[in-house]
Amino acid sequence: MQRYYWAGQYCSGKDVVETACGSGQGLGYLSGIAKSLEAGDYSDEILSIARRHYGERIILRQFDAQDMPFEDKSKDVIIMFEAIYYLPDEFLRNG
């Protein structure tokens, strides 16, 4: 949870997306401090764990971090933990 507490200082009161959220370990914490929170993961199978836990409380979608379903500049903060190594080098260069 330390990483979520650290991220919380950037997410408080803001529109936040967690990409590659996996089973959603920190989404409950983030939803309590963010203005809005949406999250997603590439794996629908792993995302189903988060859906079972959070139900309708948090918007969860299946998407690829390289092709997120949000308008440019529509979110204040995008976080990703322990997943950047899955993305090609071009992802960081094209940001």
PDB file of N, CA and C in Angstrom:
ATOM      1  N   MET A   1       0.811  -1.203   0.000  1.00  0.00           N
ATOM      2  CA  MET A   1       0.000   0.000   0.000  1.00  0.00           C
ATOM      3  C   MET A   1       0.855   1.267   0.000  1.00  0.00           C
ATOM      4  N   GLN A   2       2.130   1.160   0.345  1.00  0.00           N
ATOM      5  CA  GLN A   2       2.976   2.349   0.389  1.00  0.00           C
ATOM      6  C   GLN A   2       2.951   3.114  -0.931  1.00  0.00           C
ATOM      7  N   ARG A   3       2.953   2.399  -2.035  1.00  0.00           N
ATOM      8  CA  ARG A   3       2.960   3.099  -3.323  1.00  0.00           C
ATOM      9  C   ARG A   3       1.678   3.891  -3.530  1.00  0.00           C
ATOM     10  N   TYR A   4       0.556   3.389  -3.017  1.00  0.00           N
ATOM     11  CA  TYR A   4      -0.705   4.119  -3.146  1.00  0.00           C
ATOM     12  C   TYR A   4      -0.736   5.319  -2.217  1.00  0.00           C
ATOM     13  N   TYR A   5      -0.189   5.189  -1.040  1.00  0.00           N
ATOM     14  CA  TYR A   5      -0.104   6.343  -0.142  1.00  0.00           C
ATOM     15  C   TYR A   5       0.776   7.422  -0.769  1.00  0.00           C
ATOM     16  N   TRP A   6       1.872   6.994  -1.396  1.00  0.00           N
ATOM     17  CA  TRP A   6       2.750   7.939  -2.085  1.00  0.00           C
ATOM     18  C   TRP A   6       1.992   8.616  -3.234  1.00  0.00           C
ATOM     19  N   ALA A   7       1.297   7.842  -4.055  1.00  0.00           N
ATOM     20  CA  ALA A   7       0.549   8.391  -5.191  1.00  0.00           C
ATOM     21  C   ALA A   7      -0.588   9.284  -4.722  1.00  0.00           C
ATOM     22  N   GLY A   8      -1.105   9.020  -3.543  1.00  0.00           N
ATOM     23  CA  GLY A   8      -2.219   9.801  -3.017  1.00  0.00           C
ATOM     24  C   GLY A   8      -1.938  11.286  -2.961  1.00  0.00           C
ATOM     25  N   GLN A   9      -0.690  11.667  -2.744  1.00  0.00           N
ATOM     26  CA  GLN A   9      -0.366  13.090  -2.687  1.00  0.00           C
ATOM     27  C   GLN A   9      -0.555  13.758  -4.051  1.00  0.00           C
ATOM     28  N   TYR A  10      -0.496  13.000  -5.126  1.00  0.00           N
ATOM     29  CA  TYR A  10      -0.716  13.530  -6.474  1.00  0.00           C
ATOM     30  C   TYR A  10      -2.175  13.388  -6.915  1.00  0.00           C
ATOM     31  N   CYS A  11      -2.897  12.459  -6.291  1.00  0.00           N
ATOM     32  CA  CYS A  11      -4.247  12.121  -6.724  1.00  0.00           C
ATOM     33  C   CYS A  11      -5.345  12.833  -5.938  1.00  0.00           C
ATOM     34  N   SER A  12      -5.034  13.357  -4.799  1.00  0.00           N
ATOM     35  CA  SER A  12      -6.042  13.962  -3.940  1.00  0.00           C
ATOM     36  C   SER A  12      -6.788  15.087  -4.652  1.00  0.00           C
ATOM     37  N   GLY A  13      -8.108  14.934  -4.740  1.00  0.00           N
ATOM     38  CA  GLY A  13      -8.955  15.952  -5.351  1.00  0.00           C
ATOM     39  C   GLY A  13      -8.857  16.048  -6.859  1.00  0.00           C
ATOM     40  N   LYS A  14      -8.269  15.057  -7.503  1.00  0.00           N
ATOM     41  CA  LYS A  14      -8.073  15.118  -8.955  1.00  0.00           C
ATOM     42  C   LYS A  14      -8.801  13.987  -9.672  1.00  0.00           C
ATOM     43  N   ASP A  15      -8.931  14.131 -10.993  1.00  0.00           N
ATOM     44  CA  ASP A  15      -9.497  13.087 -11.848  1.00  0.00           C
ATOM     45  C   ASP A  15      -8.373  12.117 -12.187  1.00  0.00           C
ATOM     46  N   VAL A  16      -8.522  10.873 -11.758  1.00  0.00           N
ATOM     47  CA  VAL A  16      -7.430   9.904 -11.785  1.00  0.00           C
ATOM     48  C   VAL A  16      -7.803   8.662 -12.580  1.00  0.00           C
ATOM     49  N   VAL A  17      -6.809   8.121 -13.266  1.00  0.00           N
ATOM     50  CA  VAL A  17      -6.918   6.819 -13.926  1.00  0.00           C
ATOM     51  C   VAL A  17      -5.764   5.963 -13.424  1.00  0.00           C
ATOM     52  N   GLU A  18      -6.082   4.739 -13.040  1.00  0.00           N
ATOM     53  CA  GLU A  18      -5.010   3.772 -12.838  1.00  0.00           C
ATOM     54  C   GLU A  18      -5.080   2.787 -13.986  1.00  0.00           C
ATOM     55  N   THR A  19      -4.037   2.754 -14.776  1.00  0.00           N
ATOM     56  CA  THR A  19      -3.943   1.787 -15.853  1.00  0.00           C
ATOM     57  C   THR A  19      -3.111   0.619 -15.363  1.00  0.00           C
ATOM     58  N   ALA A  20      -3.403  -0.561 -15.885  1.00  0.00           N
ATOM     59  CA  ALA A  20      -2.759  -1.786 -15.415  1.00  0.00           C
ATOM     60  C   ALA A  20      -3.058  -1.994 -13.935  1.00  0.00           C
ATOM     61  N   CYS A  21      -4.319  -1.809 -13.565  1.00  0.00           N
ATOM     62  CA  CYS A  21      -4.711  -1.867 -12.152  1.00  0.00           C
ATOM     63  C   CYS A  21      -4.761  -3.283 -11.594  1.00  0.00           C
ATOM     64  N   GLY A  22      -4.679  -4.288 -12.468  1.00  0.00           N
ATOM     65  CA  GLY A  22      -4.715  -5.667 -11.987  1.00  0.00           C
ATOM     66  C   GLY A  22      -5.992  -5.955 -11.227  1.00  0.00           C
ATOM     67  N   SER A  23      -5.851  -6.566 -10.064  1.00  0.00           N
ATOM     68  CA  SER A  23      -7.029  -6.920  -9.265  1.00  0.00           C
ATOM     69  C   SER A  23      -7.527  -5.757  -8.415  1.00  0.00           C
ATOM     70  N   GLY A  24      -6.885  -4.603  -8.528  1.00  0.00           N
ATOM     71  CA  GLY A  24      -7.408  -3.382  -7.906  1.00  0.00           C
ATOM     72  C   GLY A  24      -7.023  -3.156  -6.462  1.00  0.00           C
ATOM     73  N   GLN A  25      -5.843  -3.587  -6.059  1.00  0.00           N
ATOM     74  CA  GLN A  25      -5.437  -3.522  -4.661  1.00  0.00           C
ATOM     75  C   GLN A  25      -5.593  -2.154  -4.012  1.00  0.00           C
ATOM     76  N   GLY A  26      -5.281  -1.083  -4.709  1.00  0.00           N
ATOM     77  CA  GLY A  26      -5.314   0.243  -4.099  1.00  0.00           C
ATOM     78  C   GLY A  26      -6.474   1.119  -4.530  1.00  0.00           C
ATOM     79  N   LEU A  27      -7.401   0.573  -5.283  1.00  0.00           N
ATOM     80  CA  LEU A  27      -8.484   1.402  -5.815  1.00  0.00           C
ATOM     81  C   LEU A  27      -9.405   1.947  -4.736  1.00  0.00           C
ATOM     82  N   GLY A  28      -9.639   1.187  -3.694  1.00  0.00           N
ATOM     83  CA  GLY A  28     -10.490   1.659  -2.602  1.00  0.00           C
ATOM     84  C   GLY A  28      -9.912   2.903  -1.953  1.00  0.00           C
ATOM     85  N   TYR A  29      -8.614   2.886  -1.714  1.00  0.00           N
ATOM     86  CA  TYR A  29      -7.943   4.051  -1.134  1.00  0.00           C
ATOM     87  C   TYR A  29      -8.025   5.247  -2.080  1.00  0.00           C
ATOM     88  N   LEU A  30      -7.679   5.031  -3.339  1.00  0.00           N
ATOM     89  CA  LEU A  30      -7.701   6.126  -4.304  1.00  0.00           C
ATOM     90  C   LEU A  30      -9.096   6.710  -4.476  1.00  0.00           C
ATOM     91  N   SER A  31     -10.106   5.864  -4.479  1.00  0.00           N
ATOM     92  CA  SER A  31     -11.471   6.367  -4.676  1.00  0.00           C
ATOM     93  C   SER A  31     -11.913   7.262  -3.527  1.00  0.00           C
ATOM     94  N   GLY A  32     -11.311   7.080  -2.363  1.00  0.00           N
ATOM     95  CA  GLY A  32     -11.650   7.912  -1.219  1.00  0.00           C
ATOM     96  C   GLY A  32     -10.999   9.281  -1.217  1.00  0.00           C
ATOM     97  N   ILE A  33      -9.952   9.462  -2.016  1.00  0.00           N
ATOM     98  CA  ILE A  33      -9.256  10.755  -2.016  1.00  0.00           C
ATOM     99  C   ILE A  33      -9.324  11.486  -3.355  1.00  0.00           C
ATOM    100  N   ALA A  34      -9.572  10.759  -4.435  1.00  0.00           N
ATOM    101  CA  ALA A  34      -9.620  11.378  -5.767  1.00  0.00           C
ATOM    102  C   ALA A  34     -10.978  12.051  -5.992  1.00  0.00           C
ATOM    103  N   LYS A  35     -10.981  13.053  -6.839  1.00  0.00           N
ATOM    104  CA  LYS A  35     -12.246  13.664  -7.270  1.00  0.00           C
ATOM    105  C   LYS A  35     -13.049  12.646  -8.055  1.00  0.00           C
ATOM    106  N   SER A  36     -12.374  11.944  -8.968  1.00  0.00           N
ATOM    107  CA  SER A  36     -12.986  10.838  -9.715  1.00  0.00           C
ATOM    108  C   SER A  36     -11.902   9.802  -9.981  1.00  0.00           C
ATOM    109  N   LEU A  37     -12.330   8.573 -10.148  1.00  0.00           N
ATOM    110  CA  LEU A  37     -11.387   7.488 -10.385  1.00  0.00           C
ATOM    111  C   LEU A  37     -11.977   6.509 -11.380  1.00  0.00           C
ATOM    112  N   GLU A  38     -11.189   6.180 -12.377  1.00  0.00           N
ATOM    113  CA  GLU A  38     -11.489   5.098 -13.296  1.00  0.00           C
ATOM    114  C   GLU A  38     -10.240   4.252 -13.388  1.00  0.00           C
ATOM    115  N   ALA A  39     -10.426   2.976 -13.680  1.00  0.00           N
ATOM    116  CA  ALA A  39      -9.272   2.090 -13.743  1.00  0.00           C
ATOM    117  C   ALA A  39      -9.502   1.036 -14.811  1.00  0.00           C
ATOM    118  N   GLY A  40      -8.404   0.447 -15.251  1.00  0.00           N
ATOM    119  CA  GLY A  40      -8.514  -0.598 -16.249  1.00  0.00           C
ATOM    120  C   GLY A  40      -7.274  -1.447 -16.310  1.00  0.00           C
ATOM    121  N   ASP A  41      -7.413  -2.532 -17.026  1.00  0.00           N
ATOM    122  CA  ASP A  41      -6.315  -3.468 -17.193  1.00  0.00           C
ATOM    123  C   ASP A  41      -6.469  -4.140 -18.546  1.00  0.00           C
ATOM    124  N   TYR A  42      -5.371  -4.631 -19.055  1.00  0.00           N
ATOM    125  CA  TYR A  42      -5.369  -5.346 -20.327  1.00  0.00           C
ATOM    126  C   TYR A  42      -6.056  -6.704 -20.193  1.00  0.00           C
ATOM    127  N   SER A  43      -5.892  -7.321 -19.028  1.00  0.00           N
ATOM    128  CA  SER A  43      -6.431  -8.663 -18.789  1.00  0.00           C
ATOM    129  C   SER A  43      -7.829  -8.602 -18.190  1.00  0.00           C
ATOM    130  N   ASP A  44      -8.812  -9.009 -18.959  1.00  0.00           N
ATOM    131  CA  ASP A  44     -10.183  -9.035 -18.453  1.00  0.00           C
ATOM    132  C   ASP A  44     -10.327 -10.068 -17.334  1.00  0.00           C
ATOM    133  N   GLU A  45      -9.557 -11.131 -17.407  1.00  0.00           N
ATOM    134  CA  GLU A  45      -9.616 -12.169 -16.368  1.00  0.00           C
ATOM    135  C   GLU A  45      -9.176 -11.600 -15.011  1.00  0.00           C
ATOM    136  N   ILE A  46      -8.074 -10.868 -14.992  1.00  0.00           N
ATOM    137  CA  ILE A  46      -7.601 -10.250 -13.748  1.00  0.00           C
ATOM    138  C   ILE A  46      -8.541  -9.128 -13.322  1.00  0.00           C
ATOM    139  N   LEU A  47      -9.030  -8.356 -14.278  1.00  0.00           N
ATOM    140  CA  LEU A  47      -9.951  -7.264 -13.988  1.00  0.00           C
ATOM    141  C   LEU A  47     -11.241  -7.766 -13.357  1.00  0.00           C
ATOM    142  N   SER A  48     -11.637  -8.974 -13.678  1.00  0.00           N
ATOM    143  CA  SER A  48     -12.867  -9.527 -13.091  1.00  0.00           C
ATOM    144  C   SER A  48     -12.758  -9.660 -11.573  1.00  0.00           C
ATOM    145  N   ILE A  49     -11.554  -9.821 -11.060  1.00  0.00           N
ATOM    146  CA  ILE A  49     -11.360  -9.871  -9.604  1.00  0.00           C
ATOM    147  C   ILE A  49     -11.724  -8.513  -9.001  1.00  0.00           C
ATOM    148  N   ALA A  50     -11.247  -7.449  -9.608  1.00  0.00           N
ATOM    149  CA  ALA A  50     -11.577  -6.098  -9.136  1.00  0.00           C
ATOM    150  C   ALA A  50     -13.069  -5.833  -9.277  1.00  0.00           C
ATOM    151  N   ARG A  51     -13.653  -6.257 -10.367  1.00  0.00           N
ATOM    152  CA  ARG A  51     -15.101  -6.040 -10.573  1.00  0.00           C
ATOM    153  C   ARG A  51     -15.929  -6.740  -9.498  1.00  0.00           C
ATOM    154  N   ARG A  52     -15.545  -7.944  -9.150  1.00  0.00           N
ATOM    155  CA  ARG A  52     -16.277  -8.674  -8.102  1.00  0.00           C
ATOM    156  C   ARG A  52     -16.167  -7.944  -6.761  1.00  0.00           C
ATOM    157  N   HIS A  53     -15.014  -7.403  -6.483  1.00  0.00           N
ATOM    158  CA  HIS A  53     -14.814  -6.742  -5.204  1.00  0.00           C
ATOM    159  C   HIS A  53     -15.498  -5.370  -5.143  1.00  0.00           C
ATOM    160  N   TYR A  54     -15.319  -4.548  -6.170  1.00  0.00           N
ATOM    161  CA  TYR A  54     -15.805  -3.171  -6.134  1.00  0.00           C
ATOM    162  C   TYR A  54     -17.207  -2.994  -6.701  1.00  0.00           C
ATOM    163  N   GLY A  55     -17.681  -3.952  -7.452  1.00  0.00           N
ATOM    164  CA  GLY A  55     -19.023  -3.815  -8.023  1.00  0.00           C
ATOM    165  C   GLY A  55     -19.146  -2.546  -8.846  1.00  0.00           C
ATOM    166  N   GLU A  56     -20.156  -1.752  -8.535  1.00  0.00           N
ATOM    167  CA  GLU A  56     -20.427  -0.509  -9.271  1.00  0.00           C
ATOM    168  C   GLU A  56     -19.739   0.703  -8.644  1.00  0.00           C
ATOM    169  N   ARG A  57     -18.999   0.514  -7.562  1.00  0.00           N
ATOM    170  CA  ARG A  57     -18.395   1.653  -6.853  1.00  0.00           C
ATOM    171  C   ARG A  57     -17.297   2.333  -7.648  1.00  0.00           C
ATOM    172  N   ILE A  58     -16.613   1.592  -8.521  1.00  0.00           N
ATOM    173  CA  ILE A  58     -15.516   2.150  -9.308  1.00  0.00           C
ATOM    174  C   ILE A  58     -15.697   1.723 -10.763  1.00  0.00           C
ATOM    175  N   ILE A  59     -15.524   2.664 -11.674  1.00  0.00           N
ATOM    176  CA  ILE A  59     -15.615   2.344 -13.104  1.00  0.00           C
ATOM    177  C   ILE A  59     -14.360   1.574 -13.500  1.00  0.00           C
ATOM    178  N   LEU A  60     -14.559   0.348 -13.972  1.00  0.00           N
ATOM    179  CA  LEU A  60     -13.459  -0.527 -14.380  1.00  0.00           C
ATOM    180  C   LEU A  60     -13.673  -0.952 -15.819  1.00  0.00           C
ATOM    181  N   ARG A  61     -12.639  -0.782 -16.651  1.00  0.00           N
ATOM    182  CA  ARG A  61     -12.753  -1.132 -18.067  1.00  0.00           C
ATOM    183  C   ARG A  61     -11.534  -1.916 -18.511  1.00  0.00           C
ATOM    184  N   GLN A  62     -11.755  -2.751 -19.498  1.00  0.00           N
ATOM    185  CA  GLN A  62     -10.626  -3.437 -20.108  1.00  0.00           C
ATOM    186  C   GLN A  62     -10.059  -2.522 -21.188  1.00  0.00           C
ATOM    187  N   PHE A  63      -8.773  -2.213 -21.089  1.00  0.00           N
ATOM    188  CA  PHE A  63      -8.101  -1.429 -22.119  1.00  0.00           C
ATOM    189  C   PHE A  63      -6.595  -1.631 -22.040  1.00  0.00           C
ATOM    190  N   ASP A  64      -5.956  -1.275 -23.121  1.00  0.00           N
ATOM    191  CA  ASP A  64      -4.505  -1.335 -23.245  1.00  0.00           C
ATOM    192  C   ASP A  64      -3.943   0.033 -22.844  1.00  0.00           C
ATOM    193  N   ALA A  65      -2.900   0.047 -22.048  1.00  0.00           N
ATOM    194  CA  ALA A  65      -2.284   1.312 -21.636  1.00  0.00           C
ATOM    195  C   ALA A  65      -1.809   2.135 -22.830  1.00  0.00           C
ATOM    196  N   GLN A  66      -1.547   1.479 -23.944  1.00  0.00           N
ATOM    197  CA  GLN A  66      -1.096   2.179 -25.143  1.00  0.00           C
ATOM    198  C   GLN A  66      -2.244   2.800 -25.934  1.00  0.00           C
ATOM    199  N   ASP A  67      -3.474   2.473 -25.531  1.00  0.00           N
ATOM    200  CA  ASP A  67      -4.648   2.977 -26.243  1.00  0.00           C
ATOM    201  C   ASP A  67      -5.783   3.182 -25.251  1.00  0.00           C
ATOM    202  N   MET A  68      -5.593   4.121 -24.339  1.00  0.00           N
ATOM    203  CA  MET A  68      -6.587   4.353 -23.295  1.00  0.00           C
ATOM    204  C   MET A  68      -7.821   5.059 -23.863  1.00  0.00           C
ATOM    205  N   PRO A  69      -9.002   4.727 -23.341  1.00  0.00           N
ATOM    206  CA  PRO A  69     -10.254   5.261 -23.893  1.00  0.00           C
ATOM    207  C   PRO A  69     -10.666   6.613 -23.298  1.00  0.00           C
ATOM    208  N   PHE A  70      -9.726   7.536 -23.187  1.00  0.00           N
ATOM    209  CA  PHE A  70     -10.017   8.836 -22.601  1.00  0.00           C
ATOM    210  C   PHE A  70      -9.559   9.929 -23.562  1.00  0.00           C
ATOM    211  N   GLU A  71     -10.298  11.013 -23.561  1.00  0.00           N
ATOM    212  CA  GLU A  71      -9.909  12.169 -24.373  1.00  0.00           C
ATOM    213  C   GLU A  71      -8.605  12.744 -23.831  1.00  0.00           C
ATOM    214  N   ASP A  72      -7.788  13.309 -24.707  1.00  0.00           N
ATOM    215  CA  ASP A  72      -6.561  13.970 -24.276  1.00  0.00           C
ATOM    216  C   ASP A  72      -6.880  15.034 -23.233  1.00  0.00           C
ATOM    217  N   LYS A  73      -6.065  15.085 -22.208  1.00  0.00           N
ATOM    218  CA  LYS A  73      -6.156  16.088 -21.147  1.00  0.00           C
ATOM    219  C   LYS A  73      -7.462  16.015 -20.354  1.00  0.00           C
ATOM    220  N   SER A  74      -8.158  14.884 -20.399  1.00  0.00           N
ATOM    221  CA  SER A  74      -9.411  14.745 -19.641  1.00  0.00           C
ATOM    222  C   SER A  74      -9.170  14.247 -18.219  1.00  0.00           C
ATOM    223  N   LYS A  75      -7.952  13.804 -17.924  1.00  0.00           N
ATOM    224  CA  LYS A  75      -7.595  13.319 -16.593  1.00  0.00           C
ATOM    225  C   LYS A  75      -6.399  14.106 -16.074  1.00  0.00           C
ATOM    226  N   ASP A  76      -6.367  14.274 -14.781  1.00  0.00           N
ATOM    227  CA  ASP A  76      -5.254  15.004 -14.169  1.00  0.00           C
ATOM    228  C   ASP A  76      -4.051  14.108 -13.901  1.00  0.00           C
ATOM    229  N   VAL A  77      -4.319  12.861 -13.519  1.00  0.00           N
ATOM    230  CA  VAL A  77      -3.247  11.952 -13.118  1.00  0.00           C
ATOM    231  C   VAL A  77      -3.514  10.574 -13.711  1.00  0.00           C
ATOM    232  N   ILE A  78      -2.494   9.983 -14.282  1.00  0.00           N
ATOM    233  CA  ILE A  78      -2.548   8.585 -14.719  1.00  0.00           C
ATOM    234  C   ILE A  78      -1.434   7.867 -13.979  1.00  0.00           C
ATOM    235  N   ILE A  79      -1.797   6.818 -13.258  1.00  0.00           N
ATOM    236  CA  ILE A  79      -0.779   6.058 -12.539  1.00  0.00           C
ATOM    237  C   ILE A  79      -0.705   4.639 -13.082  1.00  0.00           C
ATOM    238  N   MET A  80       0.475   4.070 -12.941  1.00  0.00           N
ATOM    239  CA  MET A  80       0.719   2.692 -13.362  1.00  0.00           C
ATOM    240  C   MET A  80       1.824   2.144 -12.464  1.00  0.00           C
ATOM    241  N   PHE A  81       1.531   1.064 -11.788  1.00  0.00           N
ATOM    242  CA  PHE A  81       2.518   0.434 -10.920  1.00  0.00           C
ATOM    243  C   PHE A  81       2.851  -0.958 -11.427  1.00  0.00           C
ATOM    244  N   GLU A  82       4.130  -1.276 -11.413  1.00  0.00           N
ATOM    245  CA  GLU A  82       4.621  -2.619 -11.720  1.00  0.00           C
ATOM    246  C   GLU A  82       4.099  -3.170 -13.048  1.00  0.00           C
ATOM    247  N   ALA A  83       4.039  -2.332 -14.053  1.00  0.00           N
ATOM    248  CA  ALA A  83       3.572  -2.807 -15.351  1.00  0.00           C
ATOM    249  C   ALA A  83       4.285  -2.159 -16.516  1.00  0.00           C
ATOM    250  N   ILE A  84       5.053  -1.138 -16.275  1.00  0.00           N
ATOM    251  CA  ILE A  84       5.671  -0.405 -17.382  1.00  0.00           C
ATOM    252  C   ILE A  84       6.599  -1.295 -18.204  1.00  0.00           C
ATOM    253  N   TYR A  85       7.133  -2.333 -17.578  1.00  0.00           N
ATOM    254  CA  TYR A  85       8.035  -3.242 -18.297  1.00  0.00           C
ATOM    255  C   TYR A  85       7.305  -4.086 -19.341  1.00  0.00           C
ATOM    256  N   TYR A  86       5.973  -4.079 -19.326  1.00  0.00           N
ATOM    257  CA  TYR A  86       5.200  -4.788 -20.349  1.00  0.00           C
ATOM    258  C   TYR A  86       5.051  -3.963 -21.628  1.00  0.00           C
ATOM    259  N   LEU A  87       5.334  -2.681 -21.534  1.00  0.00           N
ATOM    260  CA  LEU A  87       5.121  -1.783 -22.665  1.00  0.00           C
ATOM    261  C   LEU A  87       6.399  -1.637 -23.486  1.00  0.00           C
ATOM    262  N   PRO A  88       6.240  -1.447 -24.796  1.00  0.00           N
ATOM    263  CA  PRO A  88       7.435  -1.256 -25.635  1.00  0.00           C
ATOM    264  C   PRO A  88       8.102   0.090 -25.330  1.00  0.00           C
ATOM    265  N   ASP A  89       9.362   0.192 -25.636  1.00  0.00           N
ATOM    266  CA  ASP A  89      10.115   1.424 -25.389  1.00  0.00           C
ATOM    267  C   ASP A  89       9.460   2.641 -26.049  1.00  0.00           C
ATOM    268  N   GLU A  90       8.813   2.436 -27.188  1.00  0.00           N
ATOM    269  CA  GLU A  90       8.181   3.552 -27.907  1.00  0.00           C
ATOM    270  C   GLU A  90       7.110   4.222 -27.074  1.00  0.00           C
ATOM    271  N   PHE A  91       6.484   3.491 -26.156  1.00  0.00           N
ATOM    272  CA  PHE A  91       5.437   4.056 -25.313  1.00  0.00           C
ATOM    273  C   PHE A  91       5.976   5.256 -24.544  1.00  0.00           C
ATOM    274  N   LEU A  92       7.146   5.135 -23.990  1.00  0.00           N
ATOM    275  CA  LEU A  92       7.728   6.233 -23.205  1.00  0.00           C
ATOM    276  C   LEU A  92       8.204   7.365 -24.097  1.00  0.00           C
ATOM    277  N   ARG A  93       8.697   7.062 -25.246  1.00  0.00           N
ATOM    278  CA  ARG A  93       9.196   8.111 -26.138  1.00  0.00           C
ATOM    279  C   ARG A  93       8.067   8.918 -26.780  1.00  0.00           C
ATOM    280  N   ASN A  94       6.891   8.308 -26.953  1.00  0.00           N
ATOM    281  CA  ASN A  94       5.787   8.985 -27.635  1.00  0.00           C
ATOM    282  C   ASN A  94       4.858   9.727 -26.696  1.00  0.00           C
ATOM    283  N   GLY A  95       5.087   9.624 -25.380  1.00  0.00           N
ATOM    284  CA  GLY A  95       4.213  10.244 -24.382  1.00  0.00           C
ATOM    285  C   GLY A  95       3.873  11.624 -24.694  1.00  0.00           C
TER     286      GLY A  95
END
